[in-house]
């Protein structure tokens, strides 16, 4: 995520920043899946990896252990699901090969420009980075707190 944010802040590498942020999420989800099952799915389907990682269940268990209310747990679960939906909608593994214009065209095809002013690619890159950061921050916290 540090690299993704650095690329974004340089104002010239939004496509690569998006790719890096999505890759950080993919790696996190793969780590949880691998740790649980030892399985490796070579596809880059983040929604499938999100389910296989069981990160929502792990977050619920961790939050229950520290005494969060059902409402607080539901809010955190919604935040994780929302962040995952954003990343899954805006990220593709193919971005590693794409120019800025190609990613911009992809975003236009999603009608992501509705209600937007300014640079669509820059805005959506920031949206993706923020969503990815939520997932990575929560995931790293869960990873570090798990029992060895």
C-alpha atoms as a PDB file:
ATOM      1  CA  UNK A   1       0.000   0.000   0.000  1.00  0.00           C
ATOM      2  CA  UNK A   2       2.930   2.299   0.616  1.00  0.00           C
ATOM      3  CA  UNK A   3       4.034   1.875  -2.982  1.00  0.00           C
ATOM      4  CA  UNK A   4       0.498   2.383  -4.277  1.00  0.00           C
ATOM      5  CA  UNK A   5       0.185   5.631  -2.321  1.00  0.00           C
ATOM      6  CA  UNK A   6       3.605   6.806  -3.525  1.00  0.00           C
ATOM      7  CA  UNK A   7       2.651   6.134  -7.142  1.00  0.00           C
ATOM      8  CA  UNK A   8      -0.633   7.965  -6.663  1.00  0.00           C
ATOM      9  CA  UNK A   9       1.034  10.989  -5.098  1.00  0.00           C
ATOM     10  CA  UNK A  10       3.380  11.333  -8.080  1.00  0.00           C
ATOM     11  CA  UNK A  11       0.326  12.344 -10.164  1.00  0.00           C
ATOM     12  CA  UNK A  12       1.413  10.344 -13.176  1.00  0.00           C
ATOM     13  CA  UNK A  13       0.983   6.680 -12.334  1.00  0.00           C
ATOM     14  CA  UNK A  14      -2.670   6.236 -11.402  1.00  0.00           C
ATOM     15  CA  UNK A  15      -3.098   2.975 -13.322  1.00  0.00           C
ATOM     16  CA  UNK A  16      -0.063   1.423 -11.642  1.00  0.00           C
ATOM     17  CA  UNK A  17      -1.208   2.776  -8.258  1.00  0.00           C
ATOM     18  CA  UNK A  18      -4.558   1.036  -8.803  1.00  0.00           C
ATOM     19  CA  UNK A  19      -2.851  -2.188  -9.801  1.00  0.00           C
ATOM     20  CA  UNK A  20      -0.570  -2.084  -6.741  1.00  0.00           C
ATOM     21  CA  UNK A  21      -3.427  -1.425  -4.325  1.00  0.00           C
ATOM     22  CA  UNK A  22      -5.498  -4.287  -5.725  1.00  0.00           C
ATOM     23  CA  UNK A  23      -2.476  -6.558  -5.642  1.00  0.00           C
ATOM     24  CA  UNK A  24      -1.970  -5.743  -1.955  1.00  0.00           C
ATOM     25  CA  UNK A  25      -5.542  -6.853  -1.284  1.00  0.00           C
ATOM     26  CA  UNK A  26      -5.101  -9.989  -3.387  1.00  0.00           C
ATOM     27  CA  UNK A  27      -1.926 -10.935  -1.501  1.00  0.00           C
ATOM     28  CA  UNK A  28      -3.606 -10.387   1.857  1.00  0.00           C
ATOM     29  CA  UNK A  29      -6.585 -12.553   0.921  1.00  0.00           C
ATOM     30  CA  UNK A  30      -4.292 -15.253  -0.475  1.00  0.00           C
ATOM     31  CA  UNK A  31      -2.300 -15.288   2.780  1.00  0.00           C
ATOM     32  CA  UNK A  32      -5.432 -15.906   4.843  1.00  0.00           C
ATOM     33  CA  UNK A  33      -6.658 -18.565   2.429  1.00  0.00           C
ATOM     34  CA  UNK A  34      -3.285 -20.308   2.315  1.00  0.00           C
ATOM     35  CA  UNK A  35      -2.938 -20.212   6.098  1.00  0.00           C
ATOM     36  CA  UNK A  36      -6.362 -21.794   6.548  1.00  0.00           C
ATOM     37  CA  UNK A  37      -6.384 -24.397   3.797  1.00  0.00           C
ATOM     38  CA  UNK A  38      -3.046 -24.517   2.020  1.00  0.00           C
ATOM     39  CA  UNK A  39      -4.937 -23.969  -1.250  1.00  0.00           C
ATOM     40  CA  UNK A  40      -3.760 -21.721  -4.031  1.00  0.00           C
ATOM     41  CA  UNK A  41      -6.237 -20.566  -6.658  1.00  0.00           C
ATOM     42  CA  UNK A  42      -4.323 -19.044  -9.566  1.00  0.00           C
ATOM     43  CA  UNK A  43      -7.224 -16.927 -10.719  1.00  0.00           C
ATOM     44  CA  UNK A  44      -7.391 -13.287  -9.711  1.00  0.00           C
ATOM     45  CA  UNK A  45     -11.036 -13.252  -8.620  1.00  0.00           C
ATOM     46  CA  UNK A  46     -11.013 -11.033  -5.538  1.00  0.00           C
ATOM     47  CA  UNK A  47     -14.607 -11.809  -4.616  1.00  0.00           C
ATOM     48  CA  UNK A  48     -13.866 -15.533  -4.562  1.00  0.00           C
ATOM     49  CA  UNK A  49     -10.657 -14.954  -2.590  1.00  0.00           C
ATOM     50  CA  UNK A  50     -12.534 -12.742  -0.124  1.00  0.00           C
ATOM     51  CA  UNK A  51     -14.941 -15.580   0.618  1.00  0.00           C
ATOM     52  CA  UNK A  52     -12.220 -18.228   0.753  1.00  0.00           C
ATOM     53  CA  UNK A  53     -10.128 -16.109   3.129  1.00  0.00           C
ATOM     54  CA  UNK A  54     -12.936 -16.093   5.705  1.00  0.00           C
ATOM     55  CA  UNK A  55     -11.748 -12.677   6.729  1.00  0.00           C
ATOM     56  CA  UNK A  56     -15.271 -11.593   7.697  1.00  0.00           C
ATOM     57  CA  UNK A  57     -15.657 -14.523  10.047  1.00  0.00           C
ATOM     58  CA  UNK A  58     -12.239 -13.890  11.548  1.00  0.00           C
ATOM     59  CA  UNK A  59     -13.089 -10.215  12.038  1.00  0.00           C
ATOM     60  CA  UNK A  60     -16.349 -11.164  13.763  1.00  0.00           C
ATOM     61  CA  UNK A  61     -14.553 -13.584  16.059  1.00  0.00           C
ATOM     62  CA  UNK A  62     -11.872 -11.032  16.936  1.00  0.00           C
ATOM     63  CA  UNK A  63     -14.438  -8.296  17.522  1.00  0.00           C
ATOM     64  CA  UNK A  64     -16.593 -10.565  19.655  1.00  0.00           C
ATOM     65  CA  UNK A  65     -13.543 -11.508  21.726  1.00  0.00           C
ATOM     66  CA  UNK A  66     -12.937  -7.844  22.598  1.00  0.00           C
ATOM     67  CA  UNK A  67     -16.585  -7.337  23.496  1.00  0.00           C
ATOM     68  CA  UNK A  68     -17.908  -5.265  20.617  1.00  0.00           C
ATOM     69  CA  UNK A  69     -21.679  -5.021  20.346  1.00  0.00           C
ATOM     70  CA  UNK A  70     -23.641  -6.650  17.523  1.00  0.00           C
ATOM     71  CA  UNK A  71     -24.185  -3.203  16.049  1.00  0.00           C
ATOM     72  CA  UNK A  72     -20.455  -2.408  16.066  1.00  0.00           C
ATOM     73  CA  UNK A  73     -19.635  -5.793  14.579  1.00  0.00           C
ATOM     74  CA  UNK A  74     -22.230  -5.318  11.848  1.00  0.00           C
ATOM     75  CA  UNK A  75     -20.785  -1.881  11.075  1.00  0.00           C
ATOM     76  CA  UNK A  76     -17.264  -3.302  10.726  1.00  0.00           C
ATOM     77  CA  UNK A  77     -18.553  -6.155   8.558  1.00  0.00           C
ATOM     78  CA  UNK A  78     -20.376  -3.675   6.332  1.00  0.00           C
ATOM     79  CA  UNK A  79     -17.236  -1.563   6.074  1.00  0.00           C
ATOM     80  CA  UNK A  80     -15.191  -4.601   4.986  1.00  0.00           C
ATOM     81  CA  UNK A  81     -17.817  -5.744   2.481  1.00  0.00           C
ATOM     82  CA  UNK A  82     -18.157  -2.231   1.070  1.00  0.00           C
ATOM     83  CA  UNK A  83     -14.404  -1.866   0.707  1.00  0.00           C
ATOM     84  CA  UNK A  84     -14.200  -5.278  -0.957  1.00  0.00           C
ATOM     85  CA  UNK A  85     -16.995  -4.383  -3.379  1.00  0.00           C
ATOM     86  CA  UNK A  86     -15.176  -1.193  -4.343  1.00  0.00           C
ATOM     87  CA  UNK A  87     -11.860  -2.946  -4.896  1.00  0.00           C
ATOM     88  CA  UNK A  88     -13.490  -5.789  -6.848  1.00  0.00           C
ATOM     89  CA  UNK A  89     -15.343  -3.333  -9.083  1.00  0.00           C
ATOM     90  CA  UNK A  90     -12.383  -1.062  -9.814  1.00  0.00           C
ATOM     91  CA  UNK A  91      -9.436  -3.475  -9.955  1.00  0.00           C
ATOM     92  CA  UNK A  92      -8.305  -5.951 -12.566  1.00  0.00           C
ATOM     93  CA  UNK A  93      -5.093  -7.917 -12.698  1.00  0.00           C
ATOM     94  CA  UNK A  94      -4.695  -6.784 -16.310  1.00  0.00           C
ATOM     95  CA  UNK A  95      -3.970  -3.243 -15.089  1.00  0.00           C
ATOM     96  CA  UNK A  96      -0.329  -4.254 -14.815  1.00  0.00           C
ATOM     97  CA  UNK A  97      -0.214  -4.121 -18.625  1.00  0.00           C
ATOM     98  CA  UNK A  98      -2.440  -1.086 -19.160  1.00  0.00           C
ATOM     99  CA  UNK A  99      -1.763   2.487 -20.010  1.00  0.00           C
ATOM    100  CA  UNK A 100      -3.463   5.309 -18.159  1.00  0.00           C
ATOM    101  CA  UNK A 101      -5.784   5.771 -21.136  1.00  0.00           C
ATOM    102  CA  UNK A 102      -6.765   2.101 -21.199  1.00  0.00           C
ATOM    103  CA  UNK A 103      -7.715   2.163 -17.483  1.00  0.00           C
ATOM    104  CA  UNK A 104      -9.574   5.441 -18.011  1.00  0.00           C
ATOM    105  CA  UNK A 105     -11.524   3.789 -20.861  1.00  0.00           C
ATOM    106  CA  UNK A 106     -12.326   0.848 -18.596  1.00  0.00           C
ATOM    107  CA  UNK A 107     -13.711   3.246 -15.976  1.00  0.00           C
ATOM    108  CA  UNK A 108     -15.801   5.026 -18.593  1.00  0.00           C
ATOM    109  CA  UNK A 109     -17.227   1.650 -19.651  1.00  0.00           C
ATOM    110  CA  UNK A 110     -18.367   1.183 -16.042  1.00  0.00           C
ATOM    111  CA  UNK A 111     -20.097   4.567 -16.182  1.00  0.00           C
ATOM    112  CA  UNK A 112     -17.901   5.508 -13.218  1.00  0.00           C
ATOM    113  CA  UNK A 113     -17.910   9.148 -14.336  1.00  0.00           C
ATOM    114  CA  UNK A 114     -21.503   9.812 -13.232  1.00  0.00           C
ATOM    115  CA  UNK A 115     -21.632  12.804 -10.963  1.00  0.00           C
ATOM    116  CA  UNK A 116     -17.881  13.381 -11.273  1.00  0.00           C
ATOM    117  CA  UNK A 117     -15.860  16.426 -12.100  1.00  0.00           C
ATOM    118  CA  UNK A 118     -12.192  16.508 -12.809  1.00  0.00           C
ATOM    119  CA  UNK A 119      -9.922  13.605 -13.636  1.00  0.00           C
ATOM    120  CA  UNK A 120     -11.918  10.369 -13.535  1.00  0.00           C
ATOM    121  CA  UNK A 121      -8.834   8.170 -13.307  1.00  0.00           C
ATOM    122  CA  UNK A 122      -7.357  10.156 -10.421  1.00  0.00           C
ATOM    123  CA  UNK A 123     -10.650  10.098  -8.489  1.00  0.00           C
ATOM    124  CA  UNK A 124     -11.250   6.386  -8.977  1.00  0.00           C
ATOM    125  CA  UNK A 125      -7.639   5.563  -8.174  1.00  0.00           C
ATOM    126  CA  UNK A 126      -8.052   7.362  -4.851  1.00  0.00           C
ATOM    127  CA  UNK A 127     -11.340   5.541  -4.204  1.00  0.00           C
ATOM    128  CA  UNK A 128      -9.653   2.210  -4.863  1.00  0.00           C
ATOM    129  CA  UNK A 129      -6.650   3.087  -2.693  1.00  0.00           C
ATOM    130  CA  UNK A 130      -8.849   4.096   0.228  1.00  0.00           C
ATOM    131  CA  UNK A 131     -10.929   0.909  -0.005  1.00  0.00           C
ATOM    132  CA  UNK A 132      -7.824  -1.244  -0.321  1.00  0.00           C
ATOM    133  CA  UNK A 133      -6.304   0.488   2.698  1.00  0.00           C
ATOM    134  CA  UNK A 134      -9.349  -0.419   4.811  1.00  0.00           C
ATOM    135  CA  UNK A 135      -8.993  -4.077   3.858  1.00  0.00           C
ATOM    136  CA  UNK A 136      -5.234  -4.160   4.315  1.00  0.00           C
ATOM    137  CA  UNK A 137      -5.342  -2.373   7.677  1.00  0.00           C
ATOM    138  CA  UNK A 138      -8.031  -4.686   9.057  1.00  0.00           C
ATOM    139  CA  UNK A 139      -6.391  -7.741   7.529  1.00  0.00           C
ATOM    140  CA  UNK A 140      -2.939  -6.977   8.886  1.00  0.00           C
ATOM    141  CA  UNK A 141      -4.447  -6.410  12.333  1.00  0.00           C
ATOM    142  CA  UNK A 142      -6.194  -9.776  12.154  1.00  0.00           C
ATOM    143  CA  UNK A 143      -3.065 -11.487  10.826  1.00  0.00           C
ATOM    144  CA  UNK A 144      -0.885 -10.150  13.634  1.00  0.00           C
ATOM    145  CA  UNK A 145      -3.426 -11.003  16.327  1.00  0.00           C
ATOM    146  CA  UNK A 146      -4.049 -14.610  15.299  1.00  0.00           C
ATOM    147  CA  UNK A 147      -2.869 -17.391  17.519  1.00  0.00           C
ATOM    148  CA  UNK A 148       0.315 -19.030  16.373  1.00  0.00           C
END
